Amino acid sequence: MLPLDPVSLDDAAVRLDVPRSTVGVWVHRYKVRRVGTVARRAFIDFWDLAAVEMCLRTGRTVPATPADRDALRHPAAA
């Protein structure tokens, strides 16, 4: 597994320049890797979410699992 970059959904929305609600939908729909929660605040792997966003913006099919998305980022990681 590749290194994680834990971010809150709010921070991820700012970094990707998309609405917070869109990030929430992507996290649920594509089962983005969750890192954990702190005080009811969910943290996700930013690079997994960024791979989802890249697929959606370029018209590719979003791979079903975080491991498959890791392979998009670094083919040798698969």
PDB file of N, CA and C in Angstrom:
ATOM      1  N   MET A   1       0.846  -1.178   0.000  1.00  0.00           N
ATOM      2  CA  MET A   1       0.000   0.000   0.000  1.00  0.00           C
ATOM      3  C   MET A   1       0.890   1.240   0.000  1.00  0.00           C
ATOM      4  N   LEU A   2       0.456   2.253  -0.714  1.00  0.00           N
ATOM      5  CA  LEU A   2       1.203   3.502  -0.808  1.00  0.00           C
ATOM      6  C   LEU A   2       0.978   4.352   0.435  1.00  0.00           C
ATOM      7  N   PRO A   3       1.844   5.327   0.682  1.00  0.00           N
ATOM      8  CA  PRO A   3       1.663   6.208   1.848  1.00  0.00           C
ATOM      9  C   PRO A   3       0.324   6.948   1.788  1.00  0.00           C
ATOM     10  N   LEU A   4      -0.279   7.139   2.946  1.00  0.00           N
ATOM     11  CA  LEU A   4      -1.563   7.830   3.036  1.00  0.00           C
ATOM     12  C   LEU A   4      -1.345   9.315   3.303  1.00  0.00           C
ATOM     13  N   ASP A   5      -2.305  10.120   2.887  1.00  0.00           N
ATOM     14  CA  ASP A   5      -2.311  11.553   3.189  1.00  0.00           C
ATOM     15  C   ASP A   5      -3.686  11.845   3.786  1.00  0.00           C
ATOM     16  N   PRO A   6      -3.866  11.674   5.106  1.00  0.00           N
ATOM     17  CA  PRO A   6      -5.185  11.844   5.714  1.00  0.00           C
ATOM     18  C   PRO A   6      -5.640  13.302   5.690  1.00  0.00           C
ATOM     19  N   VAL A   7      -6.856  13.510   5.218  1.00  0.00           N
ATOM     20  CA  VAL A   7      -7.467  14.845   5.219  1.00  0.00           C
ATOM     21  C   VAL A   7      -8.939  14.706   5.585  1.00  0.00           C
ATOM     22  N   SER A   8      -9.496  15.781   6.115  1.00  0.00           N
ATOM     23  CA  SER A   8     -10.939  15.798   6.364  1.00  0.00           C
ATOM     24  C   SER A   8     -11.643  16.037   5.030  1.00  0.00           C
ATOM     25  N   LEU A   9     -12.936  15.775   4.991  1.00  0.00           N
ATOM     26  CA  LEU A   9     -13.688  15.998   3.766  1.00  0.00           C
ATOM     27  C   LEU A   9     -13.681  17.475   3.383  1.00  0.00           C
ATOM     28  N   ASP A  10     -13.747  18.361   4.378  1.00  0.00           N
ATOM     29  CA  ASP A  10     -13.706  19.801   4.097  1.00  0.00           C
ATOM     30  C   ASP A  10     -12.374  20.196   3.458  1.00  0.00           C
ATOM     31  N   ASP A  11     -11.281  19.702   4.013  1.00  0.00           N
ATOM     32  CA  ASP A  11      -9.959  20.024   3.466  1.00  0.00           C
ATOM     33  C   ASP A  11      -9.785  19.452   2.059  1.00  0.00           C
ATOM     34  N   ALA A  12     -10.294  18.244   1.841  1.00  0.00           N
ATOM     35  CA  ALA A  12     -10.203  17.635   0.515  1.00  0.00           C
ATOM     36  C   ALA A  12     -10.973  18.463  -0.513  1.00  0.00           C
ATOM     37  N   ALA A  13     -12.129  18.971  -0.138  1.00  0.00           N
ATOM     38  CA  ALA A  13     -12.919  19.796  -1.047  1.00  0.00           C
ATOM     39  C   ALA A  13     -12.158  21.052  -1.459  1.00  0.00           C
ATOM     40  N   VAL A  14     -11.483  21.659  -0.501  1.00  0.00           N
ATOM     41  CA  VAL A  14     -10.691  22.863  -0.802  1.00  0.00           C
ATOM     42  C   VAL A  14      -9.529  22.509  -1.725  1.00  0.00           C
ATOM     43  N   ARG A  15      -8.828  21.423  -1.428  1.00  0.00           N
ATOM     44  CA  ARG A  15      -7.668  21.034  -2.234  1.00  0.00           C
ATOM     45  C   ARG A  15      -8.048  20.659  -3.659  1.00  0.00           C
ATOM     46  N   LEU A  16      -9.221  20.050  -3.837  1.00  0.00           N
ATOM     47  CA  LEU A  16      -9.659  19.644  -5.182  1.00  0.00           C
ATOM     48  C   LEU A  16     -10.516  20.702  -5.874  1.00  0.00           C
ATOM     49  N   ASP A  17     -10.858  21.763  -5.139  1.00  0.00           N
ATOM     50  CA  ASP A  17     -11.683  22.852  -5.679  1.00  0.00           C
ATOM     51  C   ASP A  17     -13.038  22.339  -6.177  1.00  0.00           C
ATOM     52  N   VAL A  18     -13.684  21.524  -5.325  1.00  0.00           N
ATOM     53  CA  VAL A  18     -15.032  21.027  -5.600  1.00  0.00           C
ATOM     54  C   VAL A  18     -15.874  21.241  -4.340  1.00  0.00           C
ATOM     55  N   PRO A  19     -17.197  21.272  -4.494  1.00  0.00           N
ATOM     56  CA  PRO A  19     -18.044  21.438  -3.303  1.00  0.00           C
ATOM     57  C   PRO A  19     -17.891  20.279  -2.315  1.00  0.00           C
ATOM     58  N   ARG A  20     -18.064  20.577  -1.045  1.00  0.00           N
ATOM     59  CA  ARG A  20     -17.962  19.579   0.025  1.00  0.00           C
ATOM     60  C   ARG A  20     -18.956  18.443  -0.199  1.00  0.00           C
ATOM     61  N   SER A  21     -20.145  18.769  -0.674  1.00  0.00           N
ATOM     62  CA  SER A  21     -21.160  17.739  -0.908  1.00  0.00           C
ATOM     63  C   SER A  21     -20.720  16.758  -1.999  1.00  0.00           C
ATOM     64  N   THR A  22     -20.002  17.252  -2.991  1.00  0.00           N
ATOM     65  CA  THR A  22     -19.492  16.387  -4.056  1.00  0.00           C
ATOM     66  C   THR A  22     -18.481  15.406  -3.497  1.00  0.00           C
ATOM     67  N   VAL A  23     -17.601  15.875  -2.626  1.00  0.00           N
ATOM     68  CA  VAL A  23     -16.616  14.992  -1.994  1.00  0.00           C
ATOM     69  C   VAL A  23     -17.331  13.899  -1.203  1.00  0.00           C
ATOM     70  N   GLY A  24     -18.355  14.273  -0.462  1.00  0.00           N
ATOM     71  CA  GLY A  24     -19.113  13.290   0.310  1.00  0.00           C
ATOM     72  C   GLY A  24     -19.741  12.216  -0.562  1.00  0.00           C
ATOM     73  N   VAL A  25     -20.264  12.623  -1.708  1.00  0.00           N
ATOM     74  CA  VAL A  25     -20.863  11.661  -2.640  1.00  0.00           C
ATOM     75  C   VAL A  25     -19.793  10.724  -3.185  1.00  0.00           C
ATOM     76  N   TRP A  26     -18.653  11.281  -3.578  1.00  0.00           N
ATOM     77  CA  TRP A  26     -17.571  10.444  -4.110  1.00  0.00           C
ATOM     78  C   TRP A  26     -17.077   9.452  -3.068  1.00  0.00           C
ATOM     79  N   VAL A  27     -16.918   9.897  -1.830  1.00  0.00           N
ATOM     80  CA  VAL A  27     -16.438   9.013  -0.759  1.00  0.00           C
ATOM     81  C   VAL A  27     -17.388   7.831  -0.589  1.00  0.00           C
ATOM     82  N   HIS A  28     -18.680   8.109  -0.617  1.00  0.00           N
ATOM     83  CA  HIS A  28     -19.670   7.044  -0.445  1.00  0.00           C
ATOM     84  C   HIS A  28     -19.771   6.165  -1.698  1.00  0.00           C
ATOM     85  N   ARG A  29     -19.901   6.779  -2.858  1.00  0.00           N
ATOM     86  CA  ARG A  29     -20.135   6.038  -4.100  1.00  0.00           C
ATOM     87  C   ARG A  29     -18.948   5.156  -4.480  1.00  0.00           C
ATOM     88  N   TYR A  30     -17.733   5.689  -4.353  1.00  0.00           N
ATOM     89  CA  TYR A  30     -16.548   4.965  -4.799  1.00  0.00           C
ATOM     90  C   TYR A  30     -15.767   4.312  -3.659  1.00  0.00           C
ATOM     91  N   LYS A  31     -16.337   4.344  -2.464  1.00  0.00           N
ATOM     92  CA  LYS A  31     -15.733   3.695  -1.295  1.00  0.00           C
ATOM     93  C   LYS A  31     -14.270   4.110  -1.124  1.00  0.00           C
ATOM     94  N   VAL A  32     -14.065   5.434  -1.063  1.00  0.00           N
ATOM     95  CA  VAL A  32     -12.724   5.984  -0.875  1.00  0.00           C
ATOM     96  C   VAL A  32     -12.172   5.487   0.464  1.00  0.00           C
ATOM     97  N   ARG A  33     -10.880   5.203   0.484  1.00  0.00           N
ATOM     98  CA  ARG A  33     -10.222   4.672   1.677  1.00  0.00           C
ATOM     99  C   ARG A  33     -10.379   5.644   2.851  1.00  0.00           C
ATOM    100  N   ARG A  34     -10.957   5.153   3.933  1.00  0.00           N
ATOM    101  CA  ARG A  34     -11.132   5.955   5.149  1.00  0.00           C
ATOM    102  C   ARG A  34      -9.971   5.674   6.093  1.00  0.00           C
ATOM    103  N   VAL A  35      -9.401   6.735   6.632  1.00  0.00           N
ATOM    104  CA  VAL A  35      -8.260   6.602   7.522  1.00  0.00           C
ATOM    105  C   VAL A  35      -8.717   6.487   8.970  1.00  0.00           C
ATOM    106  N   GLY A  36      -9.770   7.213   9.332  1.00  0.00           N
ATOM    107  CA  GLY A  36     -10.285   7.149  10.693  1.00  0.00           C
ATOM    108  C   GLY A  36     -11.163   8.345  11.001  1.00  0.00           C
ATOM    109  N   THR A  37     -11.546   8.454  12.268  1.00  0.00           N
ATOM    110  CA  THR A  37     -12.352   9.587  12.706  1.00  0.00           C
ATOM    111  C   THR A  37     -11.767  10.148  13.999  1.00  0.00           C
ATOM    112  N   VAL A  38     -11.949  11.442  14.161  1.00  0.00           N
ATOM    113  CA  VAL A  38     -11.557  12.128  15.382  1.00  0.00           C
ATOM    114  C   VAL A  38     -12.680  13.092  15.714  1.00  0.00           C
ATOM    115  N   ALA A  39     -13.295  12.898  16.881  1.00  0.00           N
ATOM    116  CA  ALA A  39     -14.382  13.772  17.326  1.00  0.00           C
ATOM    117  C   ALA A  39     -15.459  13.923  16.250  1.00  0.00           C
ATOM    118  N   ARG A  40     -15.925  12.802  15.738  1.00  0.00           N
ATOM    119  CA  ARG A  40     -16.986  12.745  14.731  1.00  0.00           C
ATOM    120  C   ARG A  40     -16.597  13.371  13.395  1.00  0.00           C
ATOM    121  N   ARG A  41     -15.323  13.593  13.172  1.00  0.00           N
ATOM    122  CA  ARG A  41     -14.844  14.149  11.912  1.00  0.00           C
ATOM    123  C   ARG A  41     -14.109  13.037  11.161  1.00  0.00           C
ATOM    124  N   ALA A  42     -14.601  12.715   9.968  1.00  0.00           N
ATOM    125  CA  ALA A  42     -14.023  11.628   9.184  1.00  0.00           C
ATOM    126  C   ALA A  42     -12.784  12.104   8.434  1.00  0.00           C
ATOM    127  N   PHE A  43     -11.784  11.213   8.364  1.00  0.00           N
ATOM    128  CA  PHE A  43     -10.580  11.489   7.596  1.00  0.00           C
ATOM    129  C   PHE A  43     -10.431  10.409   6.535  1.00  0.00           C
ATOM    130  N   ILE A  44     -10.084  10.851   5.331  1.00  0.00           N
ATOM    131  CA  ILE A  44      -9.937   9.948   4.190  1.00  0.00           C
ATOM    132  C   ILE A  44      -8.540  10.104   3.605  1.00  0.00           C
ATOM    133  N   ASP A  45      -8.158   9.162   2.758  1.00  0.00           N
ATOM    134  CA  ASP A  45      -6.879   9.240   2.061  1.00  0.00           C
ATOM    135  C   ASP A  45      -7.038  10.189   0.872  1.00  0.00           C
ATOM    136  N   PHE A  46      -6.348  11.322   0.927  1.00  0.00           N
ATOM    137  CA  PHE A  46      -6.481  12.317  -0.134  1.00  0.00           C
ATOM    138  C   PHE A  46      -6.095  11.745  -1.491  1.00  0.00           C
ATOM    139  N   TRP A  47      -5.038  10.935  -1.552  1.00  0.00           N
ATOM    140  CA  TRP A  47      -4.573  10.444  -2.853  1.00  0.00           C
ATOM    141  C   TRP A  47      -5.554   9.458  -3.473  1.00  0.00           C
ATOM    142  N   ASP A  48      -6.280   8.723  -2.672  1.00  0.00           N
ATOM    143  CA  ASP A  48      -7.323   7.846  -3.203  1.00  0.00           C
ATOM    144  C   ASP A  48      -8.449   8.693  -3.798  1.00  0.00           C
ATOM    145  N   LEU A  49      -8.853   9.726  -3.060  1.00  0.00           N
ATOM    146  CA  LEU A  49      -9.890  10.626  -3.579  1.00  0.00           C
ATOM    147  C   LEU A  49      -9.406  11.347  -4.834  1.00  0.00           C
ATOM    148  N   ALA A  50      -8.147  11.762  -4.863  1.00  0.00           N
ATOM    149  CA  ALA A  50      -7.606  12.448  -6.044  1.00  0.00           C
ATOM    150  C   ALA A  50      -7.618  11.531  -7.268  1.00  0.00           C
ATOM    151  N   ALA A  51      -7.393  10.231  -7.068  1.00  0.00           N
ATOM    152  CA  ALA A  51      -7.457   9.281  -8.179  1.00  0.00           C
ATOM    153  C   ALA A  51      -8.883   9.181  -8.718  1.00  0.00           C
ATOM    154  N   VAL A  52      -9.871   9.186  -7.826  1.00  0.00           N
ATOM    155  CA  VAL A  52     -11.278   9.187  -8.242  1.00  0.00           C
ATOM    156  C   VAL A  52     -11.564  10.442  -9.059  1.00  0.00           C
ATOM    157  N   GLU A  53     -11.137  11.580  -8.546  1.00  0.00           N
ATOM    158  CA  GLU A  53     -11.378  12.855  -9.222  1.00  0.00           C
ATOM    159  C   GLU A  53     -10.722  12.878 -10.597  1.00  0.00           C
ATOM    160  N   MET A  54      -9.511  12.369 -10.708  1.00  0.00           N
ATOM    161  CA  MET A  54      -8.809  12.331 -11.991  1.00  0.00           C
ATOM    162  C   MET A  54      -9.561  11.475 -13.004  1.00  0.00           C
ATOM    163  N   CYS A  55     -10.052  10.324 -12.568  1.00  0.00           N
ATOM    164  CA  CYS A  55     -10.822   9.454 -13.460  1.00  0.00           C
ATOM    165  C   CYS A  55     -12.089  10.149 -13.942  1.00  0.00           C
ATOM    166  N   LEU A  56     -12.784  10.800 -13.039  1.00  0.00           N
ATOM    167  CA  LEU A  56     -14.026  11.464 -13.413  1.00  0.00           C
ATOM    168  C   LEU A  56     -13.774  12.626 -14.378  1.00  0.00           C
ATOM    169  N   ARG A  57     -12.724  13.396 -14.133  1.00  0.00           N
ATOM    170  CA  ARG A  57     -12.424  14.549 -15.008  1.00  0.00           C
ATOM    171  C   ARG A  57     -11.916  14.133 -16.378  1.00  0.00           C
ATOM    172  N   THR A  58     -11.278  12.967 -16.476  1.00  0.00           N
ATOM    173  CA  THR A  58     -10.730  12.535 -17.765  1.00  0.00           C
ATOM    174  C   THR A  58     -11.630  11.534 -18.487  1.00  0.00           C
ATOM    175  N   GLY A  59     -12.771  11.212 -17.882  1.00  0.00           N
ATOM    176  CA  GLY A  59     -13.719  10.321 -18.543  1.00  0.00           C
ATOM    177  C   GLY A  59     -13.385   8.844 -18.429  1.00  0.00           C
ATOM    178  N   ARG A  60     -12.470   8.491 -17.547  1.00  0.00           N
ATOM    179  CA  ARG A  60     -12.140   7.077 -17.337  1.00  0.00           C
ATOM    180  C   ARG A  60     -13.134   6.431 -16.382  1.00  0.00           C
ATOM    181  N   THR A  61     -13.203   5.123 -16.419  1.00  0.00           N
ATOM    182  CA  THR A  61     -13.979   4.382 -15.442  1.00  0.00           C
ATOM    183  C   THR A  61     -13.206   4.394 -14.126  1.00  0.00           C
ATOM    184  N   VAL A  62     -13.904   4.667 -13.033  1.00  0.00           N
ATOM    185  CA  VAL A  62     -13.257   4.698 -11.719  1.00  0.00           C
ATOM    186  C   VAL A  62     -13.068   3.261 -11.247  1.00  0.00           C
ATOM    187  N   PRO A  63     -11.815   2.854 -10.959  1.00  0.00           N
ATOM    188  CA  PRO A  63     -11.586   1.498 -10.447  1.00  0.00           C
ATOM    189  C   PRO A  63     -12.378   1.247  -9.161  1.00  0.00           C
ATOM    190  N   ALA A  64     -12.779   0.006  -8.968  1.00  0.00           N
ATOM    191  CA  ALA A  64     -13.700  -0.342  -7.884  1.00  0.00           C
ATOM    192  C   ALA A  64     -13.103  -0.276  -6.487  1.00  0.00           C
ATOM    193  N   THR A  65     -11.808  -0.505  -6.351  1.00  0.00           N
ATOM    194  CA  THR A  65     -11.220  -0.575  -5.009  1.00  0.00           C
ATOM    195  C   THR A  65     -10.072   0.423  -4.857  1.00  0.00           C
ATOM    196  N   PRO A  66      -9.773   0.802  -3.624  1.00  0.00           N
ATOM    197  CA  PRO A  66      -8.620   1.678  -3.400  1.00  0.00           C
ATOM    198  C   PRO A  66      -7.315   1.062  -3.925  1.00  0.00           C
ATOM    199  N   ALA A  67      -7.160  -0.243  -3.826  1.00  0.00           N
ATOM    200  CA  ALA A  67      -5.938  -0.890  -4.322  1.00  0.00           C
ATOM    201  C   ALA A  67      -5.819  -0.737  -5.839  1.00  0.00           C
ATOM    202  N   ASP A  68      -6.930  -0.856  -6.539  1.00  0.00           N
ATOM    203  CA  ASP A  68      -6.914  -0.659  -7.989  1.00  0.00           C
ATOM    204  C   ASP A  68      -6.584   0.791  -8.332  1.00  0.00           C
ATOM    205  N   ARG A  69      -7.060   1.720  -7.525  1.00  0.00           N
ATOM    206  CA  ARG A  69      -6.737   3.136  -7.763  1.00  0.00           C
ATOM    207  C   ARG A  69      -5.273   3.412  -7.443  1.00  0.00           C
ATOM    208  N   ASP A  70      -4.703   2.710  -6.459  1.00  0.00           N
ATOM    209  CA  ASP A  70      -3.273   2.831  -6.183  1.00  0.00           C
ATOM    210  C   ASP A  70      -2.459   2.448  -7.424  1.00  0.00           C
ATOM    211  N   ALA A  71      -2.924   1.428  -8.138  1.00  0.00           N
ATOM    212  CA  ALA A  71      -2.220   0.981  -9.339  1.00  0.00           C
ATOM    213  C   ALA A  71      -2.244   2.057 -10.429  1.00  0.00           C
ATOM    214  N   LEU A  72      -3.260   2.887 -10.445  1.00  0.00           N
ATOM    215  CA  LEU A  72      -3.295   4.007 -11.403  1.00  0.00           C
ATOM    216  C   LEU A  72      -2.192   5.014 -11.085  1.00  0.00           C
ATOM    217  N   ARG A  73      -2.007   5.268  -9.809  1.00  0.00           N
ATOM    218  CA  ARG A  73      -1.014   6.247  -9.388  1.00  0.00           C
ATOM    219  C   ARG A  73       0.399   5.745  -9.606  1.00  0.00           C
ATOM    220  N   HIS A  74       0.646   4.488  -9.252  1.00  0.00           N
ATOM    221  CA  HIS A  74       1.971   3.887  -9.353  1.00  0.00           C
ATOM    222  C   HIS A  74       1.814   2.454  -9.840  1.00  0.00           C
ATOM    223  N   PRO A  75       1.957   2.227 -11.135  1.00  0.00           N
ATOM    224  CA  PRO A  75       1.746   0.861 -11.673  1.00  0.00           C
ATOM    225  C   PRO A  75       2.575  -0.202 -10.960  1.00  0.00           C
ATOM    226  N   ALA A  76       3.748   0.129 -10.452  1.00  0.00           N
ATOM    227  CA  ALA A  76       4.582  -0.861  -9.771  1.00  0.00           C
ATOM    228  C   ALA A  76       4.031  -1.240  -8.399  1.00  0.00           C
ATOM    229  N   ALA A  77       3.080  -0.444  -7.881  1.00  0.00           N
ATOM    230  CA  ALA A  77       2.523  -0.715  -6.544  1.00  0.00           C
ATOM    231  C   ALA A  77       1.506  -1.843  -6.563  1.00  0.00           C
ATOM    232  N   ALA A  78       1.024  -2.200  -7.713  1.00  0.00           N
ATOM    233  CA  ALA A  78      -0.045  -3.218  -7.791  1.00  0.00           C
ATOM    234  C   ALA A  78       0.461  -4.608  -7.565  1.00  0.00           C
TER     235      ALA A  78
END
